[in-house]
Amino acid sequence: MLANYLIGLREGLEAALVVGILVAYIVKVKRQDVLRKFWFGVGIAIVVPLGLGALLTWGPYGLSFEAQEIIGGGLSIVAVGFVTWMIFWMGKTARSMKSTLQTRLDAALLGAGWGVVILAMLSVGREGIETALFVWATVASVGGSWEPAVGALLGILTATVLGYLLYRGFVKINLGTFFTWTGAFLILVAGGVFAYGIGDLQEAGVLPGAGVHAYDISTVIPASSWYGTVMQGIVNFNPSPTWLQVGGWVAYIAVVTFFYVRQHHSTARPTRATAKPSARVGESVAS
């Protein structure tokens, strides 16, 4: 539940910041007449991920075991790809997100402002689809338990409240630090989902090595124990993974961590040079 809470919190806060920046700019340029269209677009962006989640949850029923495993494994790997891209995208564009959104909004406000609907759908809907896909993958990896979904929902609710407080200027947080540490944690979570997806594809016969376990520590850390359940819920712990799952997990963690650390080292240098606390997002949203 904790992993999905952080996923919901991170993605929800990112969406809340986007909404706050766009609403603040619409008010600033005195185009309150398009606010109803904007919220209409946000509403569509919320409904689409919910529909996607329902489709992924109930759609595979009735298919063969192999087809379900192929769909589950394939979508788990796709979810990992989305989350990995999101982690690096935020690290690259966080400092210019406000100006980028305002530039796009200027174009969307032309005429009657119906372009605001599309802008809201794309800006907010992307976060929702990423969250729905990744949460579905983690729900599937723990045997259909709804705890991950509940954790994600609580994270989104927390992000909504926090986003409102940021918009109103009641709180200020260092978003640079927040996204850096949650990004590092999500790499660990995504590695577990990646290994789970490999296992599904092995069981479906798409990948070789099914049933050939690299090790088995289920007697030391039983999957049914409370600590085994906690580890499974947080990082998709598997006490008896296959060799391909272990190799995939190690390769993913090593490669993504390397580029993640390199990205933050490269972006930290200009930050120190300018000495501007650009992560004080409470100020940037309201200004």
C-alpha atoms as a PDB file:
ATOM      1  CA  MET A   1       0.000   0.000   0.000  1.00  0.00           C
ATOM      2  CA  LEU A   2       2.851   2.396   0.834  1.00  0.00           C
ATOM      3  CA  ALA A   3       4.362   2.147  -2.657  1.00  0.00           C
ATOM      4  CA  ASN A   4       1.051   2.908  -4.330  1.00  0.00           C
ATOM      5  CA  TYR A   5       0.326   5.688  -1.847  1.00  0.00           C
ATOM      6  CA  LEU A   6       3.551   7.372  -2.961  1.00  0.00           C
ATOM      7  CA  ILE A   7       2.677   6.750  -6.610  1.00  0.00           C
ATOM      8  CA  GLY A   8      -0.736   8.354  -6.127  1.00  0.00           C
ATOM      9  CA  LEU A   9       0.812  11.191  -4.118  1.00  0.00           C
ATOM     10  CA  ARG A  10       3.516  11.900  -6.690  1.00  0.00           C
ATOM     11  CA  GLU A  11       1.310  11.669  -9.775  1.00  0.00           C
ATOM     12  CA  GLY A  12      -1.581  13.430  -8.044  1.00  0.00           C
ATOM     13  CA  LEU A  13       0.638  16.258  -6.858  1.00  0.00           C
ATOM     14  CA  GLU A  14       2.084  16.667 -10.338  1.00  0.00           C
ATOM     15  CA  ALA A  15      -1.441  16.880 -11.773  1.00  0.00           C
ATOM     16  CA  ALA A  16      -2.505  19.277  -9.010  1.00  0.00           C
ATOM     17  CA  LEU A  17       0.459  21.534  -9.781  1.00  0.00           C
ATOM     18  CA  VAL A  18      -0.439  21.543 -13.458  1.00  0.00           C
ATOM     19  CA  VAL A  19      -4.040  22.466 -12.644  1.00  0.00           C
ATOM     20  CA  GLY A  20      -2.921  25.149 -10.187  1.00  0.00           C
ATOM     21  CA  ILE A  21      -0.523  26.741 -12.667  1.00  0.00           C
ATOM     22  CA  LEU A  22      -3.119  26.789 -15.444  1.00  0.00           C
ATOM     23  CA  VAL A  23      -5.938  28.126 -13.252  1.00  0.00           C
ATOM     24  CA  ALA A  24      -3.694  30.824 -11.773  1.00  0.00           C
ATOM     25  CA  TYR A  25      -2.646  31.929 -15.275  1.00  0.00           C
ATOM     26  CA  ILE A  26      -6.223  31.929 -16.579  1.00  0.00           C
ATOM     27  CA  VAL A  27      -7.200  34.209 -13.682  1.00  0.00           C
ATOM     28  CA  LYS A  28      -4.103  36.361 -14.192  1.00  0.00           C
ATOM     29  CA  VAL A  29      -4.929  37.054 -17.856  1.00  0.00           C
ATOM     30  CA  LYS A  30      -8.583  37.683 -16.916  1.00  0.00           C
ATOM     31  CA  ARG A  31     -10.048  34.824 -18.980  1.00  0.00           C
ATOM     32  CA  GLN A  32     -12.322  33.421 -16.280  1.00  0.00           C
ATOM     33  CA  ASP A  33     -14.863  32.798 -19.029  1.00  0.00           C
ATOM     34  CA  VAL A  34     -12.966  29.645 -20.040  1.00  0.00           C
ATOM     35  CA  LEU A  35     -12.721  28.173 -16.536  1.00  0.00           C
ATOM     36  CA  ARG A  36     -15.857  26.071 -17.050  1.00  0.00           C
ATOM     37  CA  LYS A  37     -14.343  24.599 -20.223  1.00  0.00           C
ATOM     38  CA  PHE A  38     -11.104  23.979 -18.387  1.00  0.00           C
ATOM     39  CA  TRP A  39     -12.813  22.031 -15.598  1.00  0.00           C
ATOM     40  CA  PHE A  40     -14.775  20.110 -18.209  1.00  0.00           C
ATOM     41  CA  GLY A  41     -11.466  18.984 -19.711  1.00  0.00           C
ATOM     42  CA  VAL A  42     -10.150  18.050 -16.261  1.00  0.00           C
ATOM     43  CA  GLY A  43     -13.297  15.982 -15.673  1.00  0.00           C
ATOM     44  CA  ILE A  44     -12.730  14.047 -18.895  1.00  0.00           C
ATOM     45  CA  ALA A  45      -9.095  13.513 -17.895  1.00  0.00           C
ATOM     46  CA  ILE A  46     -10.296  11.915 -14.640  1.00  0.00           C
ATOM     47  CA  VAL A  47     -12.966   9.693 -16.207  1.00  0.00           C
ATOM     48  CA  VAL A  48     -10.691   8.212 -18.897  1.00  0.00           C
ATOM     49  CA  PRO A  49      -8.171   6.643 -16.453  1.00  0.00           C
ATOM     50  CA  LEU A  50     -11.059   5.226 -14.393  1.00  0.00           C
ATOM     51  CA  GLY A  51     -12.444   3.605 -17.528  1.00  0.00           C
ATOM     52  CA  LEU A  52      -8.998   2.285 -18.403  1.00  0.00           C
ATOM     53  CA  GLY A  53      -8.623   0.794 -14.941  1.00  0.00           C
ATOM     54  CA  ALA A  54     -12.032  -0.918 -15.202  1.00  0.00           C
ATOM     55  CA  LEU A  55     -11.170  -2.278 -18.648  1.00  0.00           C
ATOM     56  CA  LEU A  56      -7.866  -3.695 -17.443  1.00  0.00           C
ATOM     57  CA  THR A  57      -9.469  -5.196 -14.326  1.00  0.00           C
ATOM     58  CA  TRP A  58     -12.462  -6.940 -15.887  1.00  0.00           C
ATOM     59  CA  GLY A  59     -11.562  -7.073 -19.572  1.00  0.00           C
ATOM     60  CA  PRO A  60      -9.196 -10.102 -19.484  1.00  0.00           C
ATOM     61  CA  TYR A  61     -11.811 -12.370 -17.847  1.00  0.00           C
ATOM     62  CA  GLY A  62     -12.903 -15.112 -20.209  1.00  0.00           C
ATOM     63  CA  LEU A  63      -9.558 -15.243 -21.993  1.00  0.00           C
ATOM     64  CA  SER A  64      -7.270 -18.271 -21.836  1.00  0.00           C
ATOM     65  CA  PHE A  65      -4.614 -18.483 -19.127  1.00  0.00           C
ATOM     66  CA  GLU A  66      -1.834 -17.835 -21.642  1.00  0.00           C
ATOM     67  CA  ALA A  67      -3.627 -14.782 -23.044  1.00  0.00           C
ATOM     68  CA  GLN A  68      -4.180 -13.356 -19.569  1.00  0.00           C
ATOM     69  CA  GLU A  69      -0.516 -13.853 -18.678  1.00  0.00           C
ATOM     70  CA  ILE A  70       0.632 -12.232 -21.932  1.00  0.00           C
ATOM     71  CA  ILE A  71      -1.642  -9.239 -21.375  1.00  0.00           C
ATOM     72  CA  GLY A  72      -0.660  -8.958 -17.710  1.00  0.00           C
ATOM     73  CA  GLY A  73       3.062  -9.307 -18.343  1.00  0.00           C
ATOM     74  CA  GLY A  74       3.076  -7.039 -21.363  1.00  0.00           C
ATOM     75  CA  LEU A  75       1.105  -4.273 -19.654  1.00  0.00           C
ATOM     76  CA  SER A  76       3.267  -4.544 -16.540  1.00  0.00           C
ATOM     77  CA  ILE A  77       6.345  -3.839 -18.654  1.00  0.00           C
ATOM     78  CA  VAL A  78       4.532  -1.018 -20.464  1.00  0.00           C
ATOM     79  CA  ALA A  79       3.586   0.441 -17.060  1.00  0.00           C
ATOM     80  CA  VAL A  80       7.229   0.317 -16.002  1.00  0.00           C
ATOM     81  CA  GLY A  81       8.153   2.129 -19.210  1.00  0.00           C
ATOM     82  CA  PHE A  82       5.595   4.878 -18.518  1.00  0.00           C
ATOM     83  CA  VAL A  83       6.736   5.364 -14.925  1.00  0.00           C
ATOM     84  CA  THR A  84      10.415   5.389 -15.906  1.00  0.00           C
ATOM     85  CA  TRP A  85       9.724   7.993 -18.580  1.00  0.00           C
ATOM     86  CA  MET A  86       7.725  10.044 -16.069  1.00  0.00           C
ATOM     87  CA  ILE A  87      10.576   9.986 -13.548  1.00  0.00           C
ATOM     88  CA  PHE A  88      13.097  11.307 -16.067  1.00  0.00           C
ATOM     89  CA  TRP A  89      10.619  13.741 -17.663  1.00  0.00           C
ATOM     90  CA  MET A  90       9.922  15.418 -14.347  1.00  0.00           C
ATOM     91  CA  GLY A  91      13.624  15.656 -13.573  1.00  0.00           C
ATOM     92  CA  LYS A  92      14.251  17.303 -16.941  1.00  0.00           C
ATOM     93  CA  THR A  93      11.292  19.684 -17.208  1.00  0.00           C
ATOM     94  CA  ALA A  94      10.391  20.552 -13.595  1.00  0.00           C
ATOM     95  CA  ARG A  95      12.147  23.921 -13.716  1.00  0.00           C
ATOM     96  CA  SER A  96      10.513  24.964 -17.005  1.00  0.00           C
ATOM     97  CA  MET A  97       7.095  23.369 -16.442  1.00  0.00           C
ATOM     98  CA  LYS A  98       5.378  26.627 -15.502  1.00  0.00           C
ATOM     99  CA  SER A  99       6.580  28.610 -18.541  1.00  0.00           C
ATOM    100  CA  THR A 100       5.870  25.673 -20.875  1.00  0.00           C
ATOM    101  CA  LEU A 101       2.295  25.321 -19.642  1.00  0.00           C
ATOM    102  CA  GLN A 102       1.688  29.052 -19.870  1.00  0.00           C
ATOM    103  CA  THR A 103       2.952  29.137 -23.459  1.00  0.00           C
ATOM    104  CA  ARG A 104       0.614  26.290 -24.411  1.00  0.00           C
ATOM    105  CA  LEU A 105      -2.256  27.986 -22.591  1.00  0.00           C
ATOM    106  CA  ASP A 106      -1.700  31.231 -24.514  1.00  0.00           C
ATOM    107  CA  ALA A 107      -2.306  29.298 -27.733  1.00  0.00           C
ATOM    108  CA  ALA A 108      -5.307  27.453 -26.276  1.00  0.00           C
ATOM    109  CA  LEU A 109      -6.962  30.708 -25.150  1.00  0.00           C
ATOM    110  CA  LEU A 110      -7.288  32.023 -28.704  1.00  0.00           C
ATOM    111  CA  GLY A 111     -10.857  32.591 -29.828  1.00  0.00           C
ATOM    112  CA  ALA A 112     -13.558  30.968 -27.697  1.00  0.00           C
ATOM    113  CA  GLY A 113     -10.953  29.047 -25.751  1.00  0.00           C
ATOM    114  CA  TRP A 114     -12.088  25.510 -26.582  1.00  0.00           C
ATOM    115  CA  GLY A 115      -8.444  24.552 -26.887  1.00  0.00           C
ATOM    116  CA  VAL A 116      -8.349  24.773 -23.077  1.00  0.00           C
ATOM    117  CA  VAL A 117     -10.432  21.585 -22.940  1.00  0.00           C
ATOM    118  CA  ILE A 118      -7.842  19.682 -24.959  1.00  0.00           C
ATOM    119  CA  LEU A 119      -4.955  21.189 -22.976  1.00  0.00           C
ATOM    120  CA  ALA A 120      -6.569  20.168 -19.672  1.00  0.00           C
ATOM    121  CA  MET A 121      -7.304  16.674 -20.977  1.00  0.00           C
ATOM    122  CA  LEU A 122      -3.741  16.094 -22.177  1.00  0.00           C
ATOM    123  CA  SER A 123      -1.962  17.743 -19.242  1.00  0.00           C
ATOM    124  CA  VAL A 124      -3.961  16.016 -16.500  1.00  0.00           C
ATOM    125  CA  GLY A 125      -5.014  12.859 -18.342  1.00  0.00           C
ATOM    126  CA  ARG A 126      -1.429  11.746 -18.911  1.00  0.00           C
ATOM    127  CA  GLU A 127      -0.843  11.596 -15.164  1.00  0.00           C
ATOM    128  CA  GLY A 128      -4.082   9.678 -14.649  1.00  0.00           C
ATOM    129  CA  ILE A 129      -3.341   7.079 -17.320  1.00  0.00           C
ATOM    130  CA  GLU A 130       0.165   6.496 -15.978  1.00  0.00           C
ATOM    131  CA  THR A 131      -1.240   6.050 -12.470  1.00  0.00           C
ATOM    132  CA  ALA A 132      -4.049   3.712 -13.577  1.00  0.00           C
ATOM    133  CA  LEU A 133      -1.701   1.506 -15.573  1.00  0.00           C
ATOM    134  CA  PHE A 134       0.964   1.254 -12.886  1.00  0.00           C
ATOM    135  CA  VAL A 135      -1.499   0.702 -10.030  1.00  0.00           C
ATOM    136  CA  TRP A 136      -3.230  -2.009 -12.053  1.00  0.00           C
ATOM    137  CA  ALA A 137       0.128  -3.722 -12.566  1.00  0.00           C
ATOM    138  CA  THR A 138       0.880  -3.661  -8.841  1.00  0.00           C
ATOM    139  CA  VAL A 139      -2.633  -4.898  -7.978  1.00  0.00           C
ATOM    140  CA  ALA A 140      -2.128  -7.822 -10.364  1.00  0.00           C
ATOM    141  CA  SER A 141       1.306  -8.576  -8.922  1.00  0.00           C
ATOM    142  CA  VAL A 142      -0.075  -9.087  -5.399  1.00  0.00           C
ATOM    143  CA  GLY A 143      -2.797 -11.482  -6.453  1.00  0.00           C
ATOM    144  CA  GLY A 144      -5.699  -9.107  -6.971  1.00  0.00           C
ATOM    145  CA  SER A 145      -5.596  -7.475  -3.525  1.00  0.00           C
ATOM    146  CA  TRP A 146      -7.271  -4.073  -3.487  1.00  0.00           C
ATOM    147  CA  GLU A 147      -4.858  -2.608  -0.921  1.00  0.00           C
ATOM    148  CA  PRO A 148      -2.612  -1.081  -3.649  1.00  0.00           C
ATOM    149  CA  ALA A 149      -5.629   0.650  -5.204  1.00  0.00           C
ATOM    150  CA  VAL A 150      -6.724   1.980  -1.821  1.00  0.00           C
ATOM    151  CA  GLY A 151      -3.185   3.228  -1.172  1.00  0.00           C
ATOM    152  CA  ALA A 152      -3.108   5.023  -4.533  1.00  0.00           C
ATOM    153  CA  LEU A 153      -6.509   6.609  -3.858  1.00  0.00           C
ATOM    154  CA  LEU A 154      -5.344   7.881  -0.472  1.00  0.00           C
ATOM    155  CA  GLY A 155      -2.219   9.276  -2.127  1.00  0.00           C
ATOM    156  CA  ILE A 156      -4.298  11.091  -4.740  1.00  0.00           C
ATOM    157  CA  LEU A 157      -6.585  12.541  -2.059  1.00  0.00           C
ATOM    158  CA  THR A 158      -3.548  13.721  -0.100  1.00  0.00           C
ATOM    159  CA  ALA A 159      -2.111  15.280  -3.252  1.00  0.00           C
ATOM    160  CA  THR A 160      -5.408  17.058  -3.957  1.00  0.00           C
ATOM    161  CA  VAL A 161      -5.445  18.652  -0.506  1.00  0.00           C
ATOM    162  CA  LEU A 162      -1.752  19.501  -0.708  1.00  0.00           C
ATOM    163  CA  GLY A 163      -2.176  20.961  -4.192  1.00  0.00           C
ATOM    164  CA  TYR A 164      -4.980  23.222  -2.961  1.00  0.00           C
ATOM    165  CA  LEU A 165      -2.880  24.386  -0.010  1.00  0.00           C
ATOM    166  CA  LEU A 166       0.016  25.118  -2.357  1.00  0.00           C
ATOM    167  CA  TYR A 167      -2.247  27.063  -4.704  1.00  0.00           C
ATOM    168  CA  ARG A 168      -3.616  29.142  -1.846  1.00  0.00           C
ATOM    169  CA  GLY A 169      -0.116  29.745  -0.522  1.00  0.00           C
ATOM    170  CA  PHE A 170      -0.789  28.101   2.843  1.00  0.00           C
ATOM    171  CA  VAL A 171       2.160  25.717   2.535  1.00  0.00           C
ATOM    172  CA  LYS A 172       5.462  25.658   0.692  1.00  0.00           C
ATOM    173  CA  ILE A 173       7.457  22.508  -0.008  1.00  0.00           C
ATOM    174  CA  ASN A 174      10.696  21.877  -1.829  1.00  0.00           C
ATOM    175  CA  LEU A 175       9.376  19.968  -4.827  1.00  0.00           C
ATOM    176  CA  GLY A 176      12.863  19.345  -6.144  1.00  0.00           C
ATOM    177  CA  THR A 177      13.658  17.262  -3.062  1.00  0.00           C
ATOM    178  CA  PHE A 178      10.223  15.626  -3.092  1.00  0.00           C
ATOM    179  CA  PHE A 179      10.412  14.451  -6.697  1.00  0.00           C
ATOM    180  CA  THR A 180      14.053  13.404  -6.350  1.00  0.00           C
ATOM    181  CA  TRP A 181      13.430  11.031  -3.434  1.00  0.00           C
ATOM    182  CA  THR A 182      10.095   9.689  -4.661  1.00  0.00           C
ATOM    183  CA  GLY A 183      11.663   9.127  -8.069  1.00  0.00           C
ATOM    184  CA  ALA A 184      14.439   7.067  -6.502  1.00  0.00           C
ATOM    185  CA  PHE A 185      11.902   4.999  -4.572  1.00  0.00           C
ATOM    186  CA  LEU A 186       9.754   4.460  -7.666  1.00  0.00           C
ATOM    187  CA  ILE A 187      12.777   3.033  -9.496  1.00  0.00           C
ATOM    188  CA  LEU A 188      12.885   0.302  -6.838  1.00  0.00           C
ATOM    189  CA  VAL A 189       9.130  -0.302  -7.115  1.00  0.00           C
ATOM    190  CA  ALA A 190       9.245  -0.344 -10.921  1.00  0.00           C
ATOM    191  CA  GLY A 191      12.066  -2.897 -10.804  1.00  0.00           C
ATOM    192  CA  GLY A 192       9.781  -5.265  -8.906  1.00  0.00           C
ATOM    193  CA  VAL A 193       6.924  -4.754 -11.364  1.00  0.00           C
ATOM    194  CA  PHE A 194       9.338  -5.344 -14.244  1.00  0.00           C
ATOM    195  CA  ALA A 195      10.417  -8.664 -12.730  1.00  0.00           C
ATOM    196  CA  TYR A 196       6.767  -9.608 -12.190  1.00  0.00           C
ATOM    197  CA  GLY A 197       5.983  -8.862 -15.845  1.00  0.00           C
ATOM    198  CA  ILE A 198       8.875 -11.073 -16.925  1.00  0.00           C
ATOM    199  CA  GLY A 199       7.465 -13.871 -14.753  1.00  0.00           C
ATOM    200  CA  ASP A 200       4.042 -13.567 -16.402  1.00  0.00           C
ATOM    201  CA  LEU A 201       5.560 -13.761 -19.864  1.00  0.00           C
ATOM    202  CA  GLN A 202       7.576 -16.801 -18.804  1.00  0.00           C
ATOM    203  CA  GLU A 203       4.456 -18.554 -17.556  1.00  0.00           C
ATOM    204  CA  ALA A 204       2.771 -17.800 -20.880  1.00  0.00           C
ATOM    205  CA  GLY A 205       5.701 -19.357 -22.764  1.00  0.00           C
ATOM    206  CA  VAL A 206       6.715 -16.085 -24.417  1.00  0.00           C
ATOM    207  CA  LEU A 207      10.029 -15.994 -22.535  1.00  0.00           C
ATOM    208  CA  PRO A 208      12.146 -19.009 -21.585  1.00  0.00           C
ATOM    209  CA  GLY A 209      13.195 -20.176 -18.130  1.00  0.00           C
ATOM    210  CA  ALA A 210       9.835 -20.681 -16.415  1.00  0.00           C
ATOM    211  CA  GLY A 211      10.175 -22.780 -13.272  1.00  0.00           C
ATOM    212  CA  VAL A 212      13.970 -22.496 -13.127  1.00  0.00           C
ATOM    213  CA  HIS A 213      14.469 -20.557  -9.896  1.00  0.00           C
ATOM    214  CA  ALA A 214      17.627 -18.657  -9.104  1.00  0.00           C
ATOM    215  CA  TYR A 215      17.053 -19.231  -5.368  1.00  0.00           C
ATOM    216  CA  ASP A 216      14.252 -19.990  -2.934  1.00  0.00           C
ATOM    217  CA  ILE A 217      14.165 -18.232   0.435  1.00  0.00           C
ATOM    218  CA  SER A 218      10.475 -18.844   1.086  1.00  0.00           C
ATOM    219  CA  THR A 219      11.368 -20.764   4.264  1.00  0.00           C
ATOM    220  CA  VAL A 220      13.257 -17.730   5.577  1.00  0.00           C
ATOM    221  CA  ILE A 221      10.834 -15.064   4.333  1.00  0.00           C
ATOM    222  CA  PRO A 222       7.469 -16.757   3.687  1.00  0.00           C
ATOM    223  CA  ALA A 223       5.305 -14.854   1.228  1.00  0.00           C
ATOM    224  CA  SER A 224       2.335 -15.383   3.565  1.00  0.00           C
ATOM    225  CA  SER A 225       4.094 -13.816   6.579  1.00  0.00           C
ATOM    226  CA  TRP A 226       3.308 -10.256   7.573  1.00  0.00           C
ATOM    227  CA  TYR A 227       6.802  -9.053   6.671  1.00  0.00           C
ATOM    228  CA  GLY A 228       6.745 -10.984   3.403  1.00  0.00           C
ATOM    229  CA  THR A 229       3.386  -9.396   2.580  1.00  0.00           C
ATOM    230  CA  VAL A 230       4.730  -5.936   3.405  1.00  0.00           C
ATOM    231  CA  MET A 231       7.792  -6.447   1.206  1.00  0.00           C
ATOM    232  CA  GLN A 232       5.619  -7.768  -1.611  1.00  0.00           C
ATOM    233  CA  GLY A 233       3.284  -4.792  -1.345  1.00  0.00           C
ATOM    234  CA  ILE A 234       6.107  -2.254  -1.369  1.00  0.00           C
ATOM    235  CA  VAL A 235       8.706  -3.632  -3.797  1.00  0.00           C
ATOM    236  CA  ASN A 236       6.968  -6.727  -5.273  1.00  0.00           C
ATOM    237  CA  PHE A 237       9.259  -9.051  -3.319  1.00  0.00           C
ATOM    238  CA  ASN A 238       9.398 -12.588  -4.711  1.00  0.00           C
ATOM    239  CA  PRO A 239      11.052 -15.259  -2.503  1.00  0.00           C
ATOM    240  CA  SER A 240      11.687 -17.625  -5.436  1.00  0.00           C
ATOM    241  CA  PRO A 241      12.317 -15.681  -8.670  1.00  0.00           C
ATOM    242  CA  THR A 242      13.606 -17.186 -11.890  1.00  0.00           C
ATOM    243  CA  TRP A 243      17.062 -16.413 -13.234  1.00  0.00           C
ATOM    244  CA  LEU A 244      15.562 -14.173 -15.916  1.00  0.00           C
ATOM    245  CA  GLN A 245      13.578 -12.228 -13.331  1.00  0.00           C
ATOM    246  CA  VAL A 246      16.693 -11.679 -11.220  1.00  0.00           C
ATOM    247  CA  GLY A 247      18.692 -10.626 -14.262  1.00  0.00           C
ATOM    248  CA  GLY A 248      15.952  -8.297 -15.456  1.00  0.00           C
ATOM    249  CA  TRP A 249      15.579  -6.720 -12.012  1.00  0.00           C
ATOM    250  CA  VAL A 250      19.327  -6.153 -11.602  1.00  0.00           C
ATOM    251  CA  ALA A 251      19.696  -4.771 -15.136  1.00  0.00           C
ATOM    252  CA  TYR A 252      16.750  -2.392 -14.748  1.00  0.00           C
ATOM    253  CA  ILE A 253      17.845  -1.082 -11.336  1.00  0.00           C
ATOM    254  CA  ALA A 254      21.488  -0.675 -12.425  1.00  0.00           C
ATOM    255  CA  VAL A 255      20.797   1.067 -15.751  1.00  0.00           C
ATOM    256  CA  VAL A 256      17.989   3.352 -14.575  1.00  0.00           C
ATOM    257  CA  THR A 257      19.776   4.301 -11.350  1.00  0.00           C
ATOM    258  CA  PHE A 258      22.930   5.173 -13.297  1.00  0.00           C
ATOM    259  CA  PHE A 259      21.120   7.549 -15.653  1.00  0.00           C
ATOM    260  CA  TYR A 260      18.954   8.920 -12.836  1.00  0.00           C
ATOM    261  CA  VAL A 261      21.983   9.846 -10.723  1.00  0.00           C
ATOM    262  CA  ARG A 262      23.745  11.290 -13.763  1.00  0.00           C
ATOM    263  CA  GLN A 263      20.719  13.408 -14.634  1.00  0.00           C
ATOM    264  CA  HIS A 264      20.521  14.857 -11.133  1.00  0.00           C
ATOM    265  CA  HIS A 265      24.244  15.557 -11.032  1.00  0.00           C
ATOM    266  CA  SER A 266      24.018  17.435 -14.333  1.00  0.00           C
ATOM    267  CA  THR A 267      20.982  19.469 -13.255  1.00  0.00           C
ATOM    268  CA  ALA A 268      22.427  20.217  -9.807  1.00  0.00           C
ATOM    269  CA  ARG A 269      25.381  22.207 -11.174  1.00  0.00           C
ATOM    270  CA  PRO A 270      23.397  25.081 -12.748  1.00  0.00           C
ATOM    271  CA  THR A 271      21.142  25.112  -9.697  1.00  0.00           C
ATOM    272  CA  ARG A 272      24.098  25.781  -7.404  1.00  0.00           C
ATOM    273  CA  ALA A 273      25.423  28.390  -9.805  1.00  0.00           C
ATOM    274  CA  THR A 274      22.189  30.373  -9.880  1.00  0.00           C
ATOM    275  CA  ALA A 275      21.374  29.669  -6.206  1.00  0.00           C
ATOM    276  CA  LYS A 276      17.670  30.096  -6.886  1.00  0.00           C
ATOM    277  CA  PRO A 277      15.268  27.996  -4.790  1.00  0.00           C
ATOM    278  CA  SER A 278      13.192  27.101  -7.858  1.00  0.00           C
ATOM    279  CA  ALA A 279      11.553  24.252  -6.025  1.00  0.00           C
ATOM    280  CA  ARG A 280       9.551  26.598  -3.840  1.00  0.00           C
ATOM    281  CA  VAL A 281       6.504  25.645  -5.818  1.00  0.00           C
ATOM    282  CA  GLY A 282       4.022  27.289  -3.519  1.00  0.00           C
ATOM    283  CA  GLU A 283       5.378  30.593  -4.757  1.00  0.00           C
ATOM    284  CA  SER A 284       5.585  29.612  -8.420  1.00  0.00           C
ATOM    285  CA  VAL A 285       1.995  28.397  -8.596  1.00  0.00           C
ATOM    286  CA  ALA A 286       0.540  31.484  -7.021  1.00  0.00           C
ATOM    287  CA  SER A 287       2.670  34.009  -8.905  1.00  0.00           C
END
